[in-house]
Amino acid sequence: MRPCWVEIDTQAFEDNYRYLKSLAGGAELLAVVKSNAYGHDLALCAPAAVRTGAEWLGVTSVEEGAAARMLCPEARILVMSGCFPGEGAALLNLELTPVVWEHWHLEELENAARAAGAGLVPVQLEIDTGMSRQGLDLERLPGFLNRLGTDSPLRVEGVLTHLFAADESDGIATAAQMAKLESAMESISAAGLKPRWLNVGASAALLNGRADSIEALAAKWGMKAMLRPGLALYGLAPEFIPEEPIGVAEARERLRPVLSWKTRVVGVRTIAAGGVVGYNGTFVATEQMQLALLPVGYADGLDRRLGNRFSLLVRGERAPLVGRISMDLAVLDVTGIGDVAAGDEVLILGKQGVETISAFDHAKATGTIPWEVFTRIGARVGRRRG
């Protein structure tokens, strides 16, 4: 078997969930396991979430919901990006809860419910409080609510919004969003709807101490607060600007990274001064060097931009990536790292000895974010319990 794999520490995942629940007060936590559990493996992480007490899982699509339902038959599953045309029947059969914000969402679900003779179908209504992405703005909300009268088989079980700047420590944008959400709740209440859940905020909102204000708004309308952590479940606290709120430093210490990405040396060679490495000779040896060949490349998710600017760990020491990263291969400079041989384990992401390579390290080297680092780890990289 090709020696390139990911190890998932499900105990760390469960510990992270329990810690985040302790920060949430009385709010419910929806465990976000979309995009194959942020690249960590849905089959390992969704059951871990349920084992540790999560009643709700968050996925992107009906397809992801179907996979989660097979793994977790009793869980409530929220389809966070809604349904697409023709998916209403499958959504009902799988007992998934969709997010809705378009009139055609209602038509799709109502037609499926009536065709199946189903009872009330729960949905969560998304409000656009300023992100201009998914959701109803306040102007369109009254007309939408009129569609959800007594004749509709749909029941608004929750109201959802996405805080787009919860990682901004001054809270100005978040306060403006919460004000718009309160206006939306006034309209929803006036329409006679009584949702159970107020679903607001992801990892940054939870770690930034927003749970109390979300709970307070929920209580005002006789609802229960729900937060939906993602990144923090997998062991990373988001970065905050312009400064880190009180308590986040402790969270960084308490959260445990869940994923380690590893490979093995498959060959070692010596090259002389002047030797070139990789496509187009972007690296030229200035002295005799020892090089280790790795069976991992950009098709596995090792970003091509890391060549000549990033190091991996072998035998507990940092070894620079030299030359361009290929589709399936990469090369390390192991000069001066004693007796590196075929079969030696190489750490791409995680901890080896006292040294650590984080998703933030990868992200900073390539100008992206940890979420992308995790989710671009290729499907051909096997996931296993660590």
Protein backbone atom coordinates (compact mmCIF):
# COMPACT_ATOMS: atom_id res chain seq x y z
CA MET A 1 0.00 0.00 0.00
CA ARG A 2 1.27 3.45 -0.90
CA PRO A 3 2.73 4.94 2.30
CA CYS A 4 0.80 8.21 2.54
CA TRP A 5 -1.95 8.36 5.14
CA VAL A 6 -3.85 10.42 7.68
CA GLU A 7 -4.37 9.39 11.31
CA ILE A 8 -7.46 10.62 13.15
CA ASP A 9 -7.47 10.84 16.94
CA THR A 10 -11.16 10.35 17.71
CA GLN A 11 -10.52 10.70 21.44
CA ALA A 12 -9.15 14.19 20.80
CA PHE A 13 -12.27 14.96 18.76
CA GLU A 14 -14.52 13.84 21.61
CA ASP A 15 -12.50 15.80 24.18
CA ASN A 16 -12.75 18.91 22.00
CA TYR A 17 -16.52 18.55 21.79
CA ARG A 18 -16.82 18.24 25.58
CA TYR A 19 -14.62 21.28 26.12
CA LEU A 20 -16.61 23.39 23.65
CA LYS A 21 -19.84 22.25 25.28
CA SER A 22 -18.50 23.55 28.59
CA LEU A 23 -18.05 26.98 26.96
CA ALA A 24 -21.53 26.99 25.44
CA GLY A 25 -23.50 27.25 28.66
CA GLY A 26 -27.02 26.06 28.00
CA ALA A 27 -26.74 26.25 24.22
CA GLU A 28 -26.95 23.17 22.03
CA LEU A 29 -23.91 22.34 19.89
CA LEU A 30 -24.35 21.18 16.31
CA ALA A 31 -21.20 19.31 15.25
CA VAL A 32 -20.21 20.44 11.76
CA VAL A 33 -19.00 17.39 9.81
CA LYS A 34 -19.48 18.74 6.29
CA SER A 35 -16.87 18.22 3.55
CA ASN A 36 -15.93 14.78 4.89
CA ALA A 37 -15.57 16.23 8.39
CA TYR A 38 -13.25 18.97 7.15
CA GLY A 39 -11.17 16.30 5.42
CA HIS A 40 -10.83 14.29 8.64
CA ASP A 41 -13.22 11.47 7.57
CA LEU A 42 -16.94 11.53 8.16
CA ALA A 43 -16.98 7.81 9.00
CA LEU A 44 -14.71 8.40 11.99
CA CYS A 45 -15.85 11.83 13.16
CA ALA A 46 -19.64 11.71 12.87
CA PRO A 47 -20.00 8.68 15.18
CA ALA A 48 -17.45 10.25 17.55
CA ALA A 49 -19.61 13.37 17.77
CA VAL A 50 -22.71 11.32 18.55
CA ARG A 51 -20.86 9.20 21.13
CA THR A 52 -19.92 12.31 23.04
CA GLY A 53 -23.43 13.70 23.14
CA ALA A 54 -24.04 15.62 19.92
CA GLU A 55 -27.68 15.36 18.90
CA TRP A 56 -27.17 17.41 15.72
CA LEU A 57 -24.73 17.05 12.83
CA GLY A 58 -24.20 19.65 10.10
CA VAL A 59 -23.54 18.65 6.48
CA THR A 60 -23.46 20.53 3.18
CA SER A 61 -25.73 18.50 0.94
CA VAL A 62 -28.28 15.72 0.72
CA GLU A 63 -25.51 13.40 -0.50
CA GLU A 64 -23.46 14.13 2.62
CA GLY A 65 -26.63 13.76 4.68
CA ALA A 66 -27.22 10.30 3.25
CA ALA A 67 -23.71 9.21 4.24
CA ALA A 68 -24.14 10.69 7.73
CA ARG A 69 -27.54 9.01 8.14
CA MET A 70 -26.04 5.56 7.42
CA LEU A 71 -23.41 6.18 10.09
CA CYS A 72 -25.66 7.85 12.67
CA PRO A 73 -29.25 6.64 12.27
CA GLU A 74 -30.59 8.49 15.33
CA ALA A 75 -28.90 11.88 14.81
CA ARG A 76 -30.64 15.04 13.69
CA ILE A 77 -28.88 16.15 10.50
CA LEU A 78 -29.00 19.71 9.19
CA VAL A 79 -28.38 20.21 5.45
CA MET A 80 -26.70 23.59 5.71
CA SER A 81 -26.65 24.51 2.02
CA GLY A 82 -30.25 23.52 1.43
CA CYS A 83 -31.59 21.17 -1.20
CA PHE A 84 -31.45 21.28 -4.97
CA PRO A 85 -34.23 20.58 -7.49
CA GLY A 86 -35.35 16.96 -7.40
CA GLU A 87 -33.93 16.25 -3.94
CA GLY A 88 -37.07 16.79 -1.87
CA ALA A 89 -38.14 13.14 -1.77
CA ALA A 90 -34.69 11.90 -0.79
CA LEU A 91 -34.43 14.55 1.88
CA LEU A 92 -37.73 13.44 3.41
CA ASN A 93 -36.90 9.73 3.16
CA LEU A 94 -33.61 10.30 4.97
CA GLU A 95 -35.28 12.48 7.61
CA LEU A 96 -32.86 15.33 7.00
CA THR A 97 -33.59 18.90 8.07
CA PRO A 98 -32.91 21.43 5.29
CA VAL A 99 -32.01 25.09 5.56
CA VAL A 100 -34.40 27.13 3.37
CA TRP A 101 -34.36 30.68 2.04
CA GLU A 102 -35.75 30.53 -1.51
CA HIS A 103 -39.38 30.16 -2.60
CA TRP A 104 -38.43 27.23 -4.79
CA HIS A 105 -37.03 25.44 -1.70
CA LEU A 106 -40.54 25.58 -0.26
CA GLU A 107 -42.12 24.36 -3.49
CA GLU A 108 -39.67 21.46 -3.75
CA LEU A 109 -40.26 20.35 -0.18
CA GLU A 110 -44.01 20.94 -0.12
CA ASN A 111 -44.51 18.94 -3.32
CA ALA A 112 -42.40 16.09 -1.96
CA ALA A 113 -44.26 16.11 1.36
CA ARG A 114 -47.69 16.06 -0.28
CA ALA A 115 -46.66 13.33 -2.71
CA ALA A 116 -45.45 11.18 0.17
CA GLY A 117 -48.39 11.97 2.42
CA ALA A 118 -45.88 13.13 5.01
CA GLY A 119 -46.76 14.99 8.17
CA LEU A 120 -45.08 18.22 9.18
CA VAL A 121 -41.59 18.59 7.73
CA PRO A 122 -39.07 20.53 9.88
CA VAL A 123 -36.91 23.20 8.23
CA GLN A 124 -34.54 25.89 9.45
CA LEU A 125 -35.03 29.34 7.95
CA GLU A 126 -31.81 31.22 7.13
CA ILE A 127 -31.74 34.99 7.54
CA ASP A 128 -29.15 37.06 5.67
CA THR A 129 -28.02 39.54 8.32
CA GLY A 130 -25.27 41.06 6.22
CA MET A 131 -23.16 38.42 4.48
CA SER A 132 -25.04 38.58 1.16
CA ARG A 133 -24.63 34.88 0.58
CA GLN A 134 -27.35 32.46 1.68
CA GLY A 135 -30.48 33.61 3.41
CA LEU A 136 -33.44 35.95 3.24
CA ASP A 137 -32.88 39.65 3.70
CA LEU A 138 -35.35 41.56 5.87
CA GLU A 139 -37.17 43.02 2.88
CA ARG A 140 -38.06 39.63 1.42
CA LEU A 141 -38.86 37.99 4.75
CA PRO A 142 -42.58 38.96 5.08
CA GLY A 143 -43.47 37.52 1.68
CA PHE A 144 -41.62 34.34 2.47
CA LEU A 145 -43.39 33.96 5.80
CA ASN A 146 -46.74 34.27 4.04
CA ARG A 147 -45.87 31.06 2.19
CA LEU A 148 -45.52 29.25 5.49
CA GLY A 149 -49.11 29.53 6.60
CA THR A 150 -51.31 26.80 8.02
CA ASP A 151 -51.70 25.12 4.62
CA SER A 152 -47.98 24.40 4.32
CA PRO A 153 -46.67 21.01 5.46
CA LEU A 154 -43.42 22.72 6.44
CA ARG A 155 -42.68 23.68 10.03
CA VAL A 156 -40.04 26.29 10.82
CA GLU A 157 -38.17 24.49 13.58
CA GLY A 158 -35.19 26.85 13.61
CA VAL A 159 -33.93 30.24 12.53
CA LEU A 160 -30.31 30.45 11.37
CA THR A 161 -27.81 33.13 10.46
CA HIS A 162 -24.08 33.16 9.81
CA LEU A 163 -21.83 35.62 11.65
CA PHE A 164 -19.33 36.60 8.99
CA ALA A 165 -16.93 38.53 11.24
CA ALA A 166 -17.04 36.72 14.59
CA ASP A 167 -13.23 36.58 14.45
CA GLU A 168 -13.10 40.39 14.70
CA SER A 169 -12.59 41.00 18.39
CA ASP A 170 -14.26 44.44 18.47
CA GLY A 171 -17.63 42.80 17.73
CA ILE A 172 -18.98 45.75 15.72
CA ALA A 173 -20.08 43.74 12.68
CA THR A 174 -21.50 40.97 14.88
CA ALA A 175 -23.56 43.48 16.89
CA ALA A 176 -25.05 44.87 13.67
CA GLN A 177 -25.93 41.35 12.51
CA MET A 178 -27.55 40.48 15.81
CA ALA A 179 -29.68 43.62 15.57
CA LYS A 180 -30.90 42.53 12.13
CA LEU A 181 -31.58 39.04 13.46
CA GLU A 182 -33.71 40.52 16.23
CA SER A 183 -35.72 42.45 13.64
CA ALA A 184 -36.21 39.22 11.72
CA MET A 185 -37.42 37.49 14.88
CA GLU A 186 -40.00 40.24 15.39
CA SER A 187 -41.41 39.49 11.93
CA ILE A 188 -41.31 35.74 12.48
CA SER A 189 -43.12 36.06 15.80
CA ALA A 190 -45.70 38.44 14.30
CA ALA A 191 -46.41 35.79 11.64
CA GLY A 192 -47.38 33.38 14.42
CA LEU A 193 -44.38 31.09 14.00
CA LYS A 194 -42.72 29.64 17.07
CA PRO A 195 -39.36 28.08 16.13
CA ARG A 196 -37.50 26.04 18.72
CA TRP A 197 -33.90 26.78 17.73
CA LEU A 198 -31.96 30.00 17.23
CA ASN A 199 -28.95 28.73 15.30
CA VAL A 200 -26.21 31.37 15.35
CA GLY A 201 -22.43 31.31 15.28
CA ALA A 202 -19.56 28.93 14.56
CA SER A 203 -16.23 28.31 16.34
CA ALA A 204 -15.13 31.95 16.42
CA ALA A 205 -18.40 33.10 17.99
CA LEU A 206 -18.21 30.41 20.66
CA LEU A 207 -14.57 31.11 21.56
CA ASN A 208 -15.16 34.86 21.40
CA GLY A 209 -17.70 34.59 24.22
CA ARG A 210 -20.82 35.22 22.12
CA ALA A 211 -22.79 32.26 23.51
CA ASP A 212 -24.32 34.35 26.30
CA SER A 213 -25.74 37.02 23.97
CA ILE A 214 -27.05 34.35 21.58
CA GLU A 215 -28.70 32.55 24.49
CA ALA A 216 -30.24 35.80 25.71
CA LEU A 217 -31.77 36.56 22.31
CA ALA A 218 -33.06 33.00 22.04
CA ALA A 219 -34.65 33.19 25.49
CA LYS A 220 -36.38 36.47 24.59
CA TRP A 221 -38.32 34.63 21.90
CA GLY A 222 -38.87 31.41 23.86
CA MET A 223 -36.22 29.55 21.86
CA LYS A 224 -33.14 27.50 22.62
CA ALA A 225 -29.73 28.65 21.37
CA MET A 226 -27.67 26.52 19.02
CA LEU A 227 -24.05 27.07 17.96
CA ARG A 228 -22.27 25.10 15.28
CA PRO A 229 -18.51 24.70 15.84
CA GLY A 230 -16.39 23.37 13.02
CA LEU A 231 -12.68 24.17 13.10
CA ALA A 232 -12.47 24.08 16.89
CA LEU A 233 -13.90 20.55 16.93
CA TYR A 234 -10.86 19.48 14.94
CA GLY A 235 -8.49 21.08 17.43
CA LEU A 236 -7.75 24.57 16.12
CA ALA A 237 -8.92 27.92 17.44
CA PRO A 238 -9.47 30.52 14.68
CA GLU A 239 -7.18 33.52 14.62
CA PHE A 240 -8.74 36.79 15.79
CA ILE A 241 -8.13 40.37 14.66
CA PRO A 242 -7.00 42.91 15.69
CA GLU A 243 -6.36 41.21 19.04
CA GLU A 244 -7.20 37.92 20.67
CA PRO A 245 -10.13 37.96 23.10
CA ILE A 246 -9.69 36.88 26.71
CA GLY A 247 -9.92 33.13 27.05
CA VAL A 248 -8.86 32.19 23.54
CA ALA A 249 -5.28 31.50 24.63
CA GLU A 250 -6.59 28.93 27.11
CA ALA A 251 -8.74 27.40 24.37
CA ARG A 252 -5.67 27.00 22.16
CA GLU A 253 -4.05 25.04 24.97
CA ARG A 254 -7.10 22.91 25.68
CA LEU A 255 -8.06 22.02 22.12
CA ARG A 256 -6.28 18.97 20.73
CA PRO A 257 -5.51 18.61 17.00
CA VAL A 258 -7.32 15.59 15.62
CA LEU A 259 -5.45 14.98 12.35
CA SER A 260 -1.89 13.87 11.62
CA TRP A 261 -0.68 13.45 8.03
CA LYS A 262 2.23 11.13 7.42
CA THR A 263 4.30 9.45 4.72
CA ARG A 264 7.52 7.45 4.52
CA VAL A 265 10.85 7.85 2.79
CA VAL A 266 10.96 5.53 -0.22
CA GLY A 267 14.53 6.20 -1.28
CA VAL A 268 17.67 8.19 -0.40
CA ARG A 269 20.31 9.41 -2.84
CA THR A 270 23.39 11.62 -2.86
CA ILE A 271 23.80 14.41 -5.40
CA ALA A 272 26.88 16.50 -6.09
CA ALA A 273 27.17 20.26 -6.04
CA GLY A 274 25.47 21.64 -9.16
CA GLY A 275 22.85 18.88 -9.25
CA VAL A 276 19.30 20.03 -9.96
CA VAL A 277 16.14 18.80 -8.24
CA GLY A 278 12.70 18.52 -9.78
CA TYR A 279 10.96 20.12 -12.73
CA ASN A 280 12.70 23.09 -14.34
CA GLY A 281 15.62 22.89 -11.95
CA THR A 282 14.22 25.39 -9.46
CA PHE A 283 16.64 24.01 -6.84
CA VAL A 284 20.36 23.62 -7.50
CA ALA A 285 22.63 21.98 -4.92
CA THR A 286 25.46 24.23 -3.70
CA GLU A 287 27.24 21.28 -2.09
CA GLN A 288 26.99 17.52 -1.88
CA MET A 289 23.54 16.72 -0.50
CA GLN A 290 21.46 13.80 0.75
CA LEU A 291 17.94 13.74 -0.68
CA ALA A 292 14.95 11.69 0.48
CA LEU A 293 12.15 10.82 -1.94
CA LEU A 294 8.57 10.95 -0.64
CA PRO A 295 5.48 9.35 -2.25
CA VAL A 296 3.29 12.43 -1.80
CA GLY A 297 2.47 15.29 -4.13
CA TYR A 298 -0.05 17.93 -5.03
CA ALA A 299 -2.60 15.28 -6.07
CA ASP A 300 -2.62 14.30 -2.40
CA GLY A 301 -3.14 17.91 -1.30
CA LEU A 302 0.49 18.85 -0.61
CA ASP A 303 0.37 22.36 -2.03
CA ARG A 304 2.73 22.88 -4.97
CA ARG A 305 3.72 26.28 -3.55
CA LEU A 306 5.45 24.60 -0.60
CA GLY A 307 8.41 23.55 -2.74
CA ASN A 308 11.62 25.39 -1.75
CA ARG A 309 9.83 27.19 1.10
CA PHE A 310 8.62 24.67 3.69
CA SER A 311 9.98 21.88 5.84
CA LEU A 312 8.63 18.53 7.00
CA LEU A 313 9.76 16.42 9.95
CA VAL A 314 11.89 13.28 9.76
CA ARG A 315 13.55 11.74 12.80
CA GLY A 316 12.27 14.71 14.80
CA GLU A 317 14.18 17.24 12.70
CA ARG A 318 13.04 19.72 10.09
CA ALA A 319 13.98 18.84 6.54
CA PRO A 320 13.35 21.36 3.73
CA LEU A 321 11.27 20.48 0.70
CA VAL A 322 13.54 21.09 -2.29
CA GLY A 323 12.56 21.48 -5.91
CA ARG A 324 9.03 21.63 -7.20
CA ILE A 325 6.46 19.35 -5.68
CA SER A 326 5.23 16.95 -8.35
CA MET A 327 1.80 15.39 -8.74
CA ASP A 328 2.80 12.28 -6.82
CA LEU A 329 6.28 12.92 -5.42
CA ALA A 330 8.28 15.36 -3.31
CA VAL A 331 11.93 15.57 -2.25
CA LEU A 332 13.44 16.47 1.13
CA ASP A 333 16.92 17.73 1.90
CA VAL A 334 18.05 15.41 4.70
CA THR A 335 21.71 16.46 4.62
CA GLY A 336 22.99 16.41 8.18
CA ILE A 337 20.07 14.36 9.55
CA GLY A 338 21.80 11.15 10.47
CA ASP A 339 21.13 7.84 8.75
CA VAL A 340 17.82 8.68 7.08
CA ALA A 341 16.72 5.54 5.24
CA ALA A 342 13.85 4.13 3.23
CA GLY A 343 10.95 3.41 5.54
CA ASP A 344 11.53 6.33 7.89
CA GLU A 345 8.32 8.10 8.83
CA VAL A 346 7.91 11.69 7.68
CA LEU A 347 5.43 14.05 9.25
CA ILE A 348 3.57 16.44 6.95
CA LEU A 349 1.10 17.78 9.50
CA GLY A 350 0.94 17.03 13.23
CA LYS A 351 3.51 16.32 15.93
CA GLN A 352 6.73 14.31 15.84
CA GLY A 353 8.85 14.30 18.97
CA VAL A 354 8.82 17.84 20.36
CA GLU A 355 8.27 19.47 16.97
CA THR A 356 4.91 20.37 15.45
CA ILE A 357 3.66 21.33 12.00
CA SER A 358 0.17 22.83 12.12
CA ALA A 359 -2.47 23.58 9.53
CA PHE A 360 -1.79 27.24 10.31
CA ASP A 361 1.86 26.68 9.29
CA HIS A 362 0.77 25.22 5.95
CA ALA A 363 -1.76 28.00 5.47
CA LYS A 364 0.69 30.82 6.15
CA ALA A 365 3.22 29.33 3.73
CA THR A 366 0.67 29.22 0.91
CA GLY A 367 -1.51 32.25 1.59
CA THR A 368 -4.65 30.35 2.55
CA ILE A 369 -6.55 29.23 5.66
CA PRO A 370 -6.48 26.03 7.76
CA TRP A 371 -9.94 25.00 6.54
CA GLU A 372 -8.57 24.68 3.00
CA VAL A 373 -5.45 22.85 4.15
CA PHE A 374 -7.58 20.14 5.76
CA THR A 375 -10.22 19.82 3.06
CA ARG A 376 -7.80 19.59 0.13
CA ILE A 377 -6.08 16.47 1.52
CA GLY A 378 -6.92 14.09 -1.30
CA ALA A 379 -9.42 11.23 -1.16
CA ARG A 380 -6.67 8.79 -2.13
CA VAL A 381 -4.88 9.55 1.14
CA GLY A 382 -6.23 6.84 3.41
CA ARG A 383 -7.82 7.86 6.71
CA ARG A 384 -7.36 5.62 9.74
CA ARG A 385 -7.93 5.85 13.45
CA GLY A 386 -4.73 7.03 15.11
